[in-house]
Amino acid sequence: MTACANDPSSVNAANLSEKVSAFYLADPDAEVRFMIASDLSSCGQKELALRMLKSSIDGHYCGYMGLKNDSLWDKVRGTPEFDGIVREAKQCQDDFRAEMAKAGQ
C-alpha cells in the first residue's frame, strides 16, 4: 500500500500488487481476499481487484452490502465485471439466507 500511495501508476506498485494478489489468492480465507481486493481497487489495480473479489465471492464470502455501499469500490463500480460480481454476491447472500432458514426449521 505504501508503493501505491507514493505512486499508484508505478511499475513497482503494479509488481507488488501482483505479488500480494498471488499470495492472497492462495489463502483459503475468502474474507481476506475481499479486504485485499478493496485495497487493490483503491490503489487503481482494477483488474487484480476484480479477480480477487470474484475469488472471494466464489469462496462464499458474500459481502453484498459492502459492495453496494462502500466507497472503496468506486473505482470499479459501474463496470460490467463489477456489476456481475455484485449479482453473484447477492445470489451468495440469498443462498446463505435460504440455508439458514432451512436449518432453523
Protein backbone atom coordinates (compact mmCIF):
# COMPACT_ATOMS: atom_id res chain seq x y z
CA MET A 1 0.00 0.00 0.00
CA THR A 2 2.94 2.33 0.59
CA ALA A 3 4.12 1.88 -3.00
CA CYS A 4 0.57 2.56 -4.15
CA ALA A 5 0.22 5.67 -2.01
CA ASN A 6 3.52 7.02 -3.28
CA ASP A 7 2.87 6.36 -6.98
CA PRO A 8 -0.11 4.14 -7.88
CA SER A 9 0.78 4.03 -11.57
CA SER A 10 4.38 2.96 -10.98
CA VAL A 11 5.80 -0.34 -12.16
CA ASN A 12 6.79 -1.03 -8.56
CA ALA A 13 3.19 -0.64 -7.34
CA ALA A 14 1.95 -2.93 -10.11
CA ASN A 15 4.59 -5.57 -9.38
CA LEU A 16 3.92 -5.52 -5.65
CA SER A 17 0.17 -5.71 -6.30
CA GLU A 18 0.71 -8.82 -8.44
CA LYS A 19 2.78 -10.45 -5.69
CA VAL A 20 0.25 -9.59 -2.99
CA SER A 21 -2.57 -10.93 -5.16
CA ALA A 22 -0.81 -14.22 -5.81
CA PHE A 23 -0.15 -14.66 -2.09
CA TYR A 24 -3.73 -13.94 -1.01
CA LEU A 25 -5.39 -15.86 -3.83
CA ALA A 26 -3.75 -18.91 -2.27
CA ASP A 27 -5.24 -18.03 1.14
CA PRO A 28 -8.30 -20.18 1.87
CA ASP A 29 -9.97 -17.33 3.80
CA ALA A 30 -12.33 -15.63 1.35
CA GLU A 31 -12.88 -12.68 3.69
CA VAL A 32 -9.18 -11.80 3.50
CA ARG A 33 -9.38 -11.81 -0.30
CA PHE A 34 -12.37 -9.45 -0.11
CA MET A 35 -10.41 -6.99 2.03
CA ILE A 36 -7.31 -7.17 -0.15
CA ALA A 37 -9.48 -6.62 -3.22
CA SER A 38 -10.74 -3.35 -1.76
CA ASP A 39 -7.15 -2.23 -1.17
CA LEU A 40 -6.25 -3.12 -4.75
CA SER A 41 -9.27 -1.23 -6.04
CA SER A 42 -8.31 1.86 -4.05
CA CYS A 43 -4.82 1.55 -5.49
CA GLY A 44 -6.16 1.60 -9.04
CA GLN A 45 -5.33 -2.06 -9.69
CA LYS A 46 -8.79 -2.70 -11.13
CA GLU A 47 -8.16 -5.98 -12.92
CA LEU A 48 -6.46 -7.53 -9.90
CA ALA A 49 -9.12 -6.17 -7.57
CA LEU A 50 -11.91 -7.71 -9.63
CA ARG A 51 -10.11 -11.06 -9.87
CA MET A 52 -9.56 -11.11 -6.11
CA LEU A 53 -13.13 -10.02 -5.44
CA LYS A 54 -14.57 -12.73 -7.69
CA SER A 55 -12.42 -15.28 -5.88
CA SER A 56 -13.80 -14.05 -2.58
CA ILE A 57 -17.41 -14.40 -3.68
CA ASP A 58 -16.66 -17.81 -5.19
CA GLY A 59 -15.23 -18.72 -1.78
CA HIS A 60 -18.64 -17.93 -0.19
CA TYR A 61 -17.79 -14.58 1.36
CA CYS A 62 -20.83 -12.76 0.05
CA GLY A 63 -20.10 -9.14 1.04
CA TYR A 64 -23.14 -7.92 -0.88
CA MET A 65 -23.99 -4.89 1.24
CA GLY A 66 -20.37 -3.77 1.32
CA LEU A 67 -20.20 -3.95 -2.45
CA LYS A 68 -23.37 -1.90 -2.75
CA ASN A 69 -22.44 0.78 -0.22
CA ASP A 70 -18.69 1.06 0.39
CA SER A 71 -16.88 3.89 -1.39
CA LEU A 72 -13.77 1.71 -1.65
CA TRP A 73 -15.37 0.16 -4.71
CA ASP A 74 -16.00 3.46 -6.52
CA LYS A 75 -13.11 2.93 -8.97
CA VAL A 76 -14.65 -0.30 -10.29
CA ARG A 77 -18.33 0.38 -9.61
CA GLY A 78 -20.42 0.51 -12.77
CA THR A 79 -18.14 -1.72 -14.82
CA PRO A 80 -19.78 -4.82 -16.32
CA GLU A 81 -17.36 -7.04 -14.37
CA PHE A 82 -18.19 -5.41 -11.04
CA ASP A 83 -21.93 -5.47 -11.76
CA GLY A 84 -21.68 -9.22 -12.45
CA ILE A 85 -19.80 -9.78 -9.21
CA VAL A 86 -22.45 -7.80 -7.29
CA ARG A 87 -25.13 -10.06 -8.77
CA GLU A 88 -23.11 -13.12 -7.71
CA ALA A 89 -22.72 -11.65 -4.21
CA LYS A 90 -26.48 -11.10 -3.97
CA GLN A 91 -27.09 -14.70 -5.03
CA CYS A 92 -24.50 -15.86 -2.48
CA GLN A 93 -26.32 -13.93 0.25
CA ASP A 94 -29.73 -15.24 -0.83
CA ASP A 95 -28.42 -18.82 -0.87
CA PHE A 96 -26.93 -18.38 2.61
CA ARG A 97 -30.18 -16.99 4.00
CA ALA A 98 -32.17 -19.82 2.44
CA GLU A 99 -29.84 -22.39 4.03
CA MET A 100 -30.13 -20.66 7.41
CA ALA A 101 -33.92 -20.62 7.15
CA LYS A 102 -33.91 -24.30 6.21
CA ALA A 103 -31.65 -25.15 9.17
CA GLY A 104 -33.99 -23.29 11.52
CA GLN A 105 -36.99 -25.40 10.57
